[in-house]
């Protein structure tokens, strides 16, 4: 996948939009394989994100999620994308004071 045009991989439009946004911010998707996602950060350094689990999209959930391990802090993160109608219902006002701990 390295160097390929992501849009040639038959990705859904929302995934292409997310990747395009990341590119505009200076990030580059390098590759994804079993248990690993490699991204080049804004400074040009390749960063390996450990992919621990993927919860696939279903018509009932109307969203998909991945659980990853942050490469520097080693904290676990869950990232979710899905239909606006579902995601907006699940958003709550967050207490961001603990994010930097």
N, C-alpha and C. Protein backbone atom coordinates (compact mmCIF):
# COMPACT_ATOMS: atom_id res chain seq x y z
N UNK A 1 0.81 -1.20 0.00
CA UNK A 1 0.00 0.00 0.00
C UNK A 1 0.85 1.26 0.00
N UNK A 2 2.10 1.11 0.35
CA UNK A 2 2.96 2.28 0.44
C UNK A 2 3.02 2.98 -0.91
N UNK A 3 2.73 4.27 -0.90
CA UNK A 3 2.80 5.04 -2.12
C UNK A 3 1.59 4.93 -3.02
N UNK A 4 0.63 4.08 -2.70
CA UNK A 4 -0.56 3.92 -3.53
C UNK A 4 -1.55 5.03 -3.27
N UNK A 5 -2.36 5.32 -4.26
CA UNK A 5 -3.48 6.25 -4.09
C UNK A 5 -4.56 5.49 -3.32
N UNK A 6 -4.88 5.96 -2.13
CA UNK A 6 -5.83 5.25 -1.27
C UNK A 6 -7.17 5.07 -1.96
N UNK A 7 -7.57 6.03 -2.80
CA UNK A 7 -8.88 5.93 -3.45
C UNK A 7 -8.95 4.75 -4.40
N UNK A 8 -7.82 4.18 -4.82
CA UNK A 8 -7.85 3.03 -5.71
C UNK A 8 -8.13 1.74 -4.95
N UNK A 9 -8.19 1.80 -3.65
CA UNK A 9 -8.43 0.61 -2.84
C UNK A 9 -9.91 0.35 -2.60
N UNK A 10 -10.78 1.06 -3.31
CA UNK A 10 -12.23 0.90 -3.18
C UNK A 10 -12.72 1.17 -1.76
N UNK A 11 -12.12 2.16 -1.12
CA UNK A 11 -12.52 2.56 0.23
C UNK A 11 -13.84 3.32 0.17
N UNK A 12 -14.65 3.22 1.23
CA UNK A 12 -15.88 4.01 1.30
C UNK A 12 -15.57 5.50 1.31
N UNK A 13 -16.49 6.33 0.84
CA UNK A 13 -16.25 7.78 0.77
C UNK A 13 -15.87 8.42 2.10
N UNK A 14 -16.43 7.95 3.22
CA UNK A 14 -16.09 8.54 4.51
C UNK A 14 -14.64 8.25 4.88
N UNK A 15 -14.15 7.08 4.54
CA UNK A 15 -12.75 6.76 4.82
C UNK A 15 -11.81 7.60 3.95
N UNK A 16 -12.17 7.79 2.69
CA UNK A 16 -11.37 8.62 1.81
C UNK A 16 -11.33 10.05 2.35
N UNK A 17 -12.46 10.56 2.83
CA UNK A 17 -12.51 11.92 3.39
C UNK A 17 -11.61 12.03 4.62
N UNK A 18 -11.61 11.02 5.50
CA UNK A 18 -10.75 11.04 6.68
C UNK A 18 -9.28 11.04 6.28
N UNK A 19 -8.93 10.23 5.31
CA UNK A 19 -7.54 10.15 4.86
C UNK A 19 -7.13 11.46 4.19
N UNK A 20 -8.01 12.01 3.34
CA UNK A 20 -7.71 13.30 2.70
C UNK A 20 -7.49 14.40 3.74
N UNK A 21 -8.30 14.41 4.79
CA UNK A 21 -8.14 15.40 5.86
C UNK A 21 -6.81 15.23 6.57
N UNK A 22 -6.42 13.99 6.83
CA UNK A 22 -5.14 13.72 7.48
C UNK A 22 -3.98 14.18 6.60
N UNK A 23 -4.09 13.93 5.30
CA UNK A 23 -3.05 14.37 4.35
C UNK A 23 -2.93 15.89 4.37
N UNK A 24 -4.06 16.57 4.38
CA UNK A 24 -4.03 18.04 4.42
C UNK A 24 -3.38 18.56 5.69
N UNK A 25 -3.41 17.75 6.76
CA UNK A 25 -2.79 18.14 8.03
C UNK A 25 -1.32 17.70 8.11
N UNK A 26 -0.83 17.05 7.04
CA UNK A 26 0.58 16.68 7.00
C UNK A 26 0.89 15.24 7.35
N UNK A 27 -0.12 14.38 7.45
CA UNK A 27 0.09 12.97 7.78
C UNK A 27 -0.03 12.13 6.51
N UNK A 28 0.64 10.97 6.51
CA UNK A 28 0.57 10.08 5.37
C UNK A 28 0.38 8.64 5.85
N UNK A 29 -0.64 7.98 5.32
CA UNK A 29 -0.87 6.58 5.61
C UNK A 29 0.16 5.77 4.83
N UNK A 30 0.89 4.90 5.50
CA UNK A 30 1.92 4.10 4.85
C UNK A 30 1.41 2.69 4.59
N UNK A 31 0.97 2.00 5.65
CA UNK A 31 0.46 0.64 5.45
C UNK A 31 -0.34 0.17 6.66
N UNK A 32 -1.11 -0.86 6.42
CA UNK A 32 -1.84 -1.54 7.49
C UNK A 32 -1.70 -3.03 7.23
N UNK A 33 -1.32 -3.74 8.27
CA UNK A 33 -1.28 -5.19 8.19
C UNK A 33 -1.77 -5.77 9.50
N UNK A 34 -1.65 -7.04 9.67
CA UNK A 34 -2.16 -7.70 10.86
C UNK A 34 -1.56 -7.09 12.13
N UNK A 35 -2.37 -6.34 12.86
CA UNK A 35 -1.96 -5.80 14.15
C UNK A 35 -1.14 -4.52 14.12
N UNK A 36 -1.01 -3.88 12.95
CA UNK A 36 -0.16 -2.70 12.88
C UNK A 36 -0.66 -1.72 11.83
N UNK A 37 -0.65 -0.43 12.19
CA UNK A 37 -0.95 0.64 11.25
C UNK A 37 0.26 1.57 11.28
N UNK A 38 0.82 1.87 10.11
CA UNK A 38 2.00 2.72 10.02
C UNK A 38 1.59 4.04 9.36
N UNK A 39 1.90 5.14 10.05
CA UNK A 39 1.56 6.48 9.57
C UNK A 39 2.81 7.34 9.65
N UNK A 40 3.05 8.15 8.62
CA UNK A 40 4.15 9.12 8.67
C UNK A 40 3.58 10.40 9.25
N UNK A 41 4.20 10.87 10.34
CA UNK A 41 3.67 12.07 11.00
C UNK A 41 4.15 13.34 10.29
N UNK A 42 3.74 14.46 10.81
CA UNK A 42 4.02 15.75 10.16
C UNK A 42 5.51 16.05 10.05
N UNK A 43 6.32 15.45 10.90
CA UNK A 43 7.77 15.67 10.84
C UNK A 43 8.47 14.66 9.94
N UNK A 44 7.69 13.76 9.32
CA UNK A 44 8.26 12.77 8.40
C UNK A 44 8.68 11.47 9.05
N UNK A 45 8.40 11.31 10.33
CA UNK A 45 8.77 10.10 11.06
C UNK A 45 7.65 9.05 10.91
N UNK A 46 8.02 7.81 10.58
CA UNK A 46 7.04 6.74 10.52
C UNK A 46 6.72 6.26 11.93
N UNK A 47 5.42 6.25 12.26
CA UNK A 47 4.97 5.87 13.60
C UNK A 47 4.12 4.61 13.48
N UNK A 48 4.44 3.61 14.31
CA UNK A 48 3.72 2.34 14.30
C UNK A 48 2.67 2.33 15.40
N UNK A 49 1.41 2.24 14.99
CA UNK A 49 0.29 2.15 15.92
C UNK A 49 -0.11 0.69 16.03
N UNK A 50 -0.13 0.16 17.24
CA UNK A 50 -0.53 -1.23 17.45
C UNK A 50 -2.06 -1.33 17.38
N UNK A 51 -2.55 -2.14 16.47
CA UNK A 51 -3.99 -2.36 16.30
C UNK A 51 -4.36 -3.60 17.10
N UNK A 52 -5.12 -3.40 18.18
CA UNK A 52 -5.43 -4.50 19.09
C UNK A 52 -6.72 -5.23 18.73
N UNK A 53 -7.70 -4.48 18.24
CA UNK A 53 -8.97 -5.11 17.89
C UNK A 53 -9.74 -4.21 16.93
N UNK A 54 -10.59 -4.83 16.14
CA UNK A 54 -11.48 -4.09 15.26
C UNK A 54 -12.90 -4.62 15.45
N UNK A 55 -13.81 -3.70 15.70
CA UNK A 55 -15.22 -4.05 15.82
C UNK A 55 -15.87 -3.60 14.51
N UNK A 56 -16.22 -4.55 13.66
CA UNK A 56 -16.68 -4.17 12.31
C UNK A 56 -18.03 -3.46 12.31
N UNK A 57 -18.27 -2.73 11.24
CA UNK A 57 -19.54 -2.06 11.01
C UNK A 57 -20.62 -3.12 10.86
N UNK A 58 -21.78 -2.88 11.49
CA UNK A 58 -22.96 -3.71 11.26
C UNK A 58 -24.15 -2.79 11.03
N UNK A 59 -25.16 -3.32 10.39
CA UNK A 59 -26.34 -2.49 10.14
C UNK A 59 -27.07 -2.16 11.44
N UNK A 60 -26.89 -2.97 12.48
CA UNK A 60 -27.50 -2.67 13.78
C UNK A 60 -26.76 -1.55 14.51
N UNK A 61 -25.43 -1.64 14.56
CA UNK A 61 -24.63 -0.63 15.27
C UNK A 61 -24.47 0.65 14.45
N UNK A 62 -24.40 0.52 13.14
CA UNK A 62 -24.19 1.66 12.22
C UNK A 62 -22.91 2.43 12.54
N UNK A 63 -21.89 1.70 12.97
CA UNK A 63 -20.59 2.28 13.25
C UNK A 63 -19.56 1.16 13.32
N UNK A 64 -18.29 1.54 13.24
CA UNK A 64 -17.21 0.58 13.43
C UNK A 64 -16.18 1.23 14.34
N UNK A 65 -15.41 0.40 15.02
CA UNK A 65 -14.44 0.90 15.97
C UNK A 65 -13.14 0.10 15.87
N UNK A 66 -12.06 0.74 16.27
CA UNK A 66 -10.79 0.05 16.43
C UNK A 66 -10.23 0.41 17.80
N UNK A 67 -9.53 -0.53 18.39
CA UNK A 67 -8.84 -0.29 19.64
C UNK A 67 -7.35 -0.33 19.31
N UNK A 68 -6.66 0.76 19.65
CA UNK A 68 -5.24 0.88 19.34
C UNK A 68 -4.47 1.24 20.60
N UNK A 69 -3.17 1.03 20.54
CA UNK A 69 -2.28 1.41 21.63
C UNK A 69 -1.42 2.57 21.13
N UNK A 70 -1.46 3.68 21.86
CA UNK A 70 -0.70 4.87 21.48
C UNK A 70 0.79 4.53 21.49
N UNK A 71 1.51 4.85 20.41
CA UNK A 71 2.92 4.43 20.32
C UNK A 71 3.86 5.08 21.33
N UNK A 72 3.51 6.23 21.86
CA UNK A 72 4.40 6.92 22.79
C UNK A 72 3.93 6.80 24.24
N UNK A 73 2.65 7.03 24.49
CA UNK A 73 2.15 7.00 25.86
C UNK A 73 1.80 5.59 26.32
N UNK A 74 1.62 4.68 25.36
CA UNK A 74 1.23 3.28 25.62
C UNK A 74 -0.18 3.17 26.20
N UNK A 75 -0.95 4.27 26.12
CA UNK A 75 -2.34 4.23 26.57
C UNK A 75 -3.21 3.63 25.47
N UNK A 76 -4.31 3.01 25.87
CA UNK A 76 -5.24 2.40 24.93
C UNK A 76 -6.27 3.43 24.50
N UNK A 77 -6.63 3.37 23.23
CA UNK A 77 -7.61 4.31 22.68
C UNK A 77 -8.62 3.52 21.86
N UNK A 78 -9.86 3.97 21.86
CA UNK A 78 -10.85 3.41 20.95
C UNK A 78 -11.28 4.54 20.02
N UNK A 79 -11.22 4.27 18.74
CA UNK A 79 -11.61 5.23 17.71
C UNK A 79 -12.83 4.66 17.00
N UNK A 80 -13.86 5.49 16.85
CA UNK A 80 -15.11 5.03 16.26
C UNK A 80 -15.54 5.99 15.17
N UNK A 81 -16.05 5.43 14.08
CA UNK A 81 -16.66 6.24 13.03
C UNK A 81 -17.98 5.60 12.69
N UNK A 82 -18.94 6.43 12.28
CA UNK A 82 -20.24 5.88 11.95
C UNK A 82 -21.19 6.93 11.44
N UNK A 83 -22.41 6.50 11.25
CA UNK A 83 -23.46 7.37 10.74
C UNK A 83 -23.68 8.54 11.70
N UNK A 84 -23.83 9.74 11.14
CA UNK A 84 -24.05 10.94 11.97
C UNK A 84 -25.20 10.74 12.93
N UNK A 85 -26.27 10.15 12.46
CA UNK A 85 -27.46 9.98 13.31
C UNK A 85 -27.17 9.13 14.54
N UNK A 86 -26.25 8.21 14.43
CA UNK A 86 -25.89 7.36 15.56
C UNK A 86 -24.83 8.03 16.44
N UNK A 87 -23.82 8.58 15.81
CA UNK A 87 -22.71 9.16 16.57
C UNK A 87 -23.16 10.37 17.39
N UNK A 88 -23.97 11.23 16.82
CA UNK A 88 -24.42 12.42 17.54
C UNK A 88 -25.26 12.06 18.76
N UNK A 89 -26.02 10.97 18.68
CA UNK A 89 -26.82 10.53 19.83
C UNK A 89 -25.95 10.08 20.99
N UNK A 90 -24.74 9.61 20.69
CA UNK A 90 -23.88 9.04 21.71
C UNK A 90 -22.84 10.02 22.26
N UNK A 91 -22.82 11.21 21.71
CA UNK A 91 -21.85 12.20 22.18
C UNK A 91 -22.34 12.83 23.48
N UNK A 92 -21.42 13.01 24.39
CA UNK A 92 -21.71 13.68 25.65
C UNK A 92 -20.64 14.73 25.88
N UNK A 93 -20.95 15.68 26.72
CA UNK A 93 -19.95 16.67 27.06
C UNK A 93 -18.87 15.97 27.87
N UNK A 94 -17.65 16.10 27.42
CA UNK A 94 -16.54 15.37 28.06
C UNK A 94 -15.75 16.27 28.99
N UNK A 95 -15.12 15.64 29.99
CA UNK A 95 -14.21 16.32 30.88
C UNK A 95 -12.80 16.06 30.32
N UNK A 96 -12.25 17.04 29.62
CA UNK A 96 -10.97 16.88 28.96
C UNK A 96 -9.79 17.11 29.89
N UNK A 97 -10.03 17.43 31.14
CA UNK A 97 -8.94 17.73 32.06
C UNK A 97 -8.02 16.53 32.31
N UNK A 98 -8.52 15.32 32.10
CA UNK A 98 -7.73 14.12 32.38
C UNK A 98 -6.95 13.62 31.17
N UNK A 99 -7.13 14.24 29.99
CA UNK A 99 -6.49 13.74 28.79
C UNK A 99 -4.98 13.81 28.83
N UNK A 100 -4.42 14.74 29.52
CA UNK A 100 -2.97 14.90 29.53
C UNK A 100 -2.28 14.18 30.68
N UNK A 101 -3.02 13.38 31.40
CA UNK A 101 -2.41 12.64 32.53
C UNK A 101 -1.62 11.45 32.06
